[in-house]
Amino acid sequence: MNTLQHAWQRARRRRALTTLLLGLPWALAATVLALRLAGFDIACVAGTVSLLACAALATARARQLDPQWLQRQLDGSGASEDSPCCSSQSPSLPEDCTHACSWTSAS
C-alpha cells in the first residue's frame, strides 16, 4: 500500500471509531433501561441489537469515504496542485522557482 491508501484507510478507521464511541453510550443506556424495565433476558436482546446497530452504522459511515470522497478532499485541499513553474509548458526552470520540480527539461 502506498501513502495515499494508508491515509485513506486511517480516515475510514477514524470515522468508524468515532461513530462507535458516540453510539456505545446509547447502546449501554438502552440495555440498562431494558434491564430495569423488562429484566435480564430482554436486556441481553436489547444490548445485542443495539451493539449490532452501532457496528452497522459505523461500517456504513466508514464506507462513505470512498475513492470519490478522497478525490474531492485532494481537489479541495490544493495539495496536489502543481506550481506554475513546474508546468509542462515551461521550457526551462525559471530563476525564481525555489522548489524542486518533478519534471526535467528536454534538451
C-alpha atoms as a PDB file:
ATOM      1  CA  MET A   1       0.000   0.000   0.000  1.00  0.00           C
ATOM      2  CA  ASN A   2       1.182   3.456  -0.746  1.00  0.00           C
ATOM      3  CA  THR A   3       0.966   6.515   1.477  1.00  0.00           C
ATOM      4  CA  LEU A   4      -2.278   7.724  -0.058  1.00  0.00           C
ATOM      5  CA  GLN A   5      -4.021   4.407   0.623  1.00  0.00           C
ATOM      6  CA  HIS A   6      -2.732   4.406   4.210  1.00  0.00           C
ATOM      7  CA  ALA A   7      -4.127   7.903   4.774  1.00  0.00           C
ATOM      8  CA  TRP A   8      -7.471   6.877   3.261  1.00  0.00           C
ATOM      9  CA  GLN A   9      -7.657   3.772   5.479  1.00  0.00           C
ATOM     10  CA  ARG A  10      -6.776   5.835   8.567  1.00  0.00           C
ATOM     11  CA  ALA A  11      -9.603   8.257   7.731  1.00  0.00           C
ATOM     12  CA  ARG A  12     -12.035   5.357   7.369  1.00  0.00           C
ATOM     13  CA  ARG A  13     -10.928   3.806  10.670  1.00  0.00           C
ATOM     14  CA  ARG A  14     -11.143   7.176  12.416  1.00  0.00           C
ATOM     15  CA  ARG A  15     -14.711   7.701  11.124  1.00  0.00           C
ATOM     16  CA  ALA A  16     -15.755   4.188  12.251  1.00  0.00           C
ATOM     17  CA  LEU A  17     -14.161   4.597  15.684  1.00  0.00           C
ATOM     18  CA  THR A  18     -15.803   7.988  16.202  1.00  0.00           C
ATOM     19  CA  THR A  19     -19.190   6.548  15.277  1.00  0.00           C
ATOM     20  CA  LEU A  20     -18.711   3.611  17.641  1.00  0.00           C
ATOM     21  CA  LEU A  21     -17.620   5.839  20.507  1.00  0.00           C
ATOM     22  CA  LEU A  22     -20.675   8.033  20.010  1.00  0.00           C
ATOM     23  CA  GLY A  23     -23.048   5.073  19.721  1.00  0.00           C
ATOM     24  CA  LEU A  24     -21.846   2.886  22.578  1.00  0.00           C
ATOM     25  CA  PRO A  25     -23.224   5.086  25.398  1.00  0.00           C
ATOM     26  CA  TRP A  26     -26.649   4.962  23.715  1.00  0.00           C
ATOM     27  CA  ALA A  27     -26.405   1.175  23.430  1.00  0.00           C
ATOM     28  CA  LEU A  28     -25.479   0.944  27.101  1.00  0.00           C
ATOM     29  CA  ALA A  29     -28.347   3.242  28.059  1.00  0.00           C
ATOM     30  CA  ALA A  30     -30.827   1.127  26.085  1.00  0.00           C
ATOM     31  CA  THR A  31     -29.509  -2.031  27.738  1.00  0.00           C
ATOM     32  CA  VAL A  32     -29.723  -0.585  31.244  1.00  0.00           C
ATOM     33  CA  LEU A  33     -33.218   0.737  30.589  1.00  0.00           C
ATOM     34  CA  ALA A  34     -34.338  -2.685  29.307  1.00  0.00           C
ATOM     35  CA  LEU A  35     -32.774  -4.328  32.354  1.00  0.00           C
ATOM     36  CA  ARG A  36     -34.657  -2.048  34.727  1.00  0.00           C
ATOM     37  CA  LEU A  37     -37.993  -2.304  32.910  1.00  0.00           C
ATOM     38  CA  ALA A  38     -38.117  -5.820  31.482  1.00  0.00           C
ATOM     39  CA  GLY A  39     -35.447  -7.975  33.065  1.00  0.00           C
ATOM     40  CA  PHE A  40     -32.222  -9.703  32.160  1.00  0.00           C
ATOM     41  CA  ASP A  41     -33.360 -11.668  29.101  1.00  0.00           C
ATOM     42  CA  ILE A  42     -34.804  -8.656  27.309  1.00  0.00           C
ATOM     43  CA  ALA A  43     -31.777  -6.573  28.319  1.00  0.00           C
ATOM     44  CA  CYS A  44     -29.482  -9.123  26.637  1.00  0.00           C
ATOM     45  CA  VAL A  45     -31.542  -8.901  23.462  1.00  0.00           C
ATOM     46  CA  ALA A  46     -31.614  -5.085  23.600  1.00  0.00           C
ATOM     47  CA  GLY A  47     -27.861  -4.936  24.203  1.00  0.00           C
ATOM     48  CA  THR A  48     -27.101  -7.291  21.320  1.00  0.00           C
ATOM     49  CA  VAL A  49     -29.392  -5.467  18.916  1.00  0.00           C
ATOM     50  CA  SER A  50     -28.071  -2.045  19.879  1.00  0.00           C
ATOM     51  CA  LEU A  51     -24.427  -3.167  19.555  1.00  0.00           C
ATOM     52  CA  LEU A  52     -25.143  -4.659  16.136  1.00  0.00           C
ATOM     53  CA  ALA A  53     -26.849  -1.411  15.116  1.00  0.00           C
ATOM     54  CA  CYS A  54     -23.798   0.583  16.258  1.00  0.00           C
ATOM     55  CA  ALA A  55     -21.475  -1.693  14.282  1.00  0.00           C
ATOM     56  CA  ALA A  56     -23.649  -1.459  11.166  1.00  0.00           C
ATOM     57  CA  LEU A  57     -23.846   2.319  11.405  1.00  0.00           C
ATOM     58  CA  ALA A  58     -20.069   2.617  11.907  1.00  0.00           C
ATOM     59  CA  THR A  59     -19.434   0.388   8.889  1.00  0.00           C
ATOM     60  CA  ALA A  60     -21.851   2.356   6.720  1.00  0.00           C
ATOM     61  CA  ARG A  61     -20.329   5.692   7.731  1.00  0.00           C
ATOM     62  CA  ALA A  62     -16.790   4.434   7.089  1.00  0.00           C
ATOM     63  CA  ARG A  63     -17.796   3.193   3.641  1.00  0.00           C
ATOM     64  CA  GLN A  64     -18.990   6.681   2.749  1.00  0.00           C
ATOM     65  CA  LEU A  65     -15.321   7.599   2.484  1.00  0.00           C
ATOM     66  CA  ASP A  66     -14.944   6.107  -0.981  1.00  0.00           C
ATOM     67  CA  PRO A  67     -12.437   6.976  -3.761  1.00  0.00           C
ATOM     68  CA  GLN A  68     -14.670   9.841  -4.923  1.00  0.00           C
ATOM     69  CA  TRP A  69     -14.526  11.302  -1.400  1.00  0.00           C
ATOM     70  CA  LEU A  70     -10.753  11.041  -1.460  1.00  0.00           C
ATOM     71  CA  GLN A  71     -10.610  12.789  -4.831  1.00  0.00           C
ATOM     72  CA  ARG A  72     -12.829  15.624  -3.556  1.00  0.00           C
ATOM     73  CA  GLN A  73     -10.606  16.015  -0.485  1.00  0.00           C
ATOM     74  CA  LEU A  74      -7.460  16.193  -2.591  1.00  0.00           C
ATOM     75  CA  ASP A  75      -9.026  18.599  -5.086  1.00  0.00           C
ATOM     76  CA  GLY A  76     -10.284  20.853  -2.312  1.00  0.00           C
ATOM     77  CA  SER A  77      -7.059  20.954  -0.337  1.00  0.00           C
ATOM     78  CA  GLY A  78      -4.862  22.218  -3.151  1.00  0.00           C
ATOM     79  CA  ALA A  79      -2.072  19.909  -2.002  1.00  0.00           C
ATOM     80  CA  SER A  80      -2.000  18.121  -5.333  1.00  0.00           C
ATOM     81  CA  GLU A  81      -1.772  21.265  -7.435  1.00  0.00           C
ATOM     82  CA  ASP A  82       1.367  21.866  -9.453  1.00  0.00           C
ATOM     83  CA  SER A  83       3.142  25.138  -9.142  1.00  0.00           C
ATOM     84  CA  PRO A  84       3.177  27.373 -12.246  1.00  0.00           C
ATOM     85  CA  CYS A  85       6.909  26.962 -12.665  1.00  0.00           C
ATOM     86  CA  CYS A  86       6.548  23.185 -12.851  1.00  0.00           C
ATOM     87  CA  SER A  87       4.105  23.112 -15.726  1.00  0.00           C
ATOM     88  CA  SER A  88       4.991  21.082 -18.771  1.00  0.00           C
ATOM     89  CA  GLN A  89       4.551  24.202 -20.923  1.00  0.00           C
ATOM     90  CA  SER A  90       7.539  25.878 -19.318  1.00  0.00           C
ATOM     91  CA  PRO A  91      10.621  25.198 -21.459  1.00  0.00           C
ATOM     92  CA  SER A  92      13.101  25.717 -18.651  1.00  0.00           C
ATOM     93  CA  LEU A  93      13.206  26.232 -14.925  1.00  0.00           C
ATOM     94  CA  PRO A  94      12.518  29.908 -14.057  1.00  0.00           C
ATOM     95  CA  GLU A  95      15.048  31.789 -11.963  1.00  0.00           C
ATOM     96  CA  ASP A  96      12.580  32.404  -9.123  1.00  0.00           C
ATOM     97  CA  CYS A  97      11.487  28.766  -8.703  1.00  0.00           C
ATOM     98  CA  THR A  98      12.543  27.862  -5.155  1.00  0.00           C
ATOM     99  CA  HIS A  99      11.414  24.256  -5.000  1.00  0.00           C
ATOM    100  CA  ALA A 100      12.361  21.068  -6.766  1.00  0.00           C
ATOM    101  CA  CYS A 101      10.159  20.300  -9.748  1.00  0.00           C
ATOM    102  CA  SER A 102       9.314  16.752 -10.674  1.00  0.00           C
ATOM    103  CA  TRP A 103       9.946  17.168 -14.400  1.00  0.00           C
ATOM    104  CA  THR A 104      13.132  17.639 -16.293  1.00  0.00           C
ATOM    105  CA  SER A 105      13.533  19.919 -19.239  1.00  0.00           C
ATOM    106  CA  ALA A 106      14.135  18.332 -22.602  1.00  0.00           C
ATOM    107  CA  SER A 107      17.421  19.264 -24.217  1.00  0.00           C
END
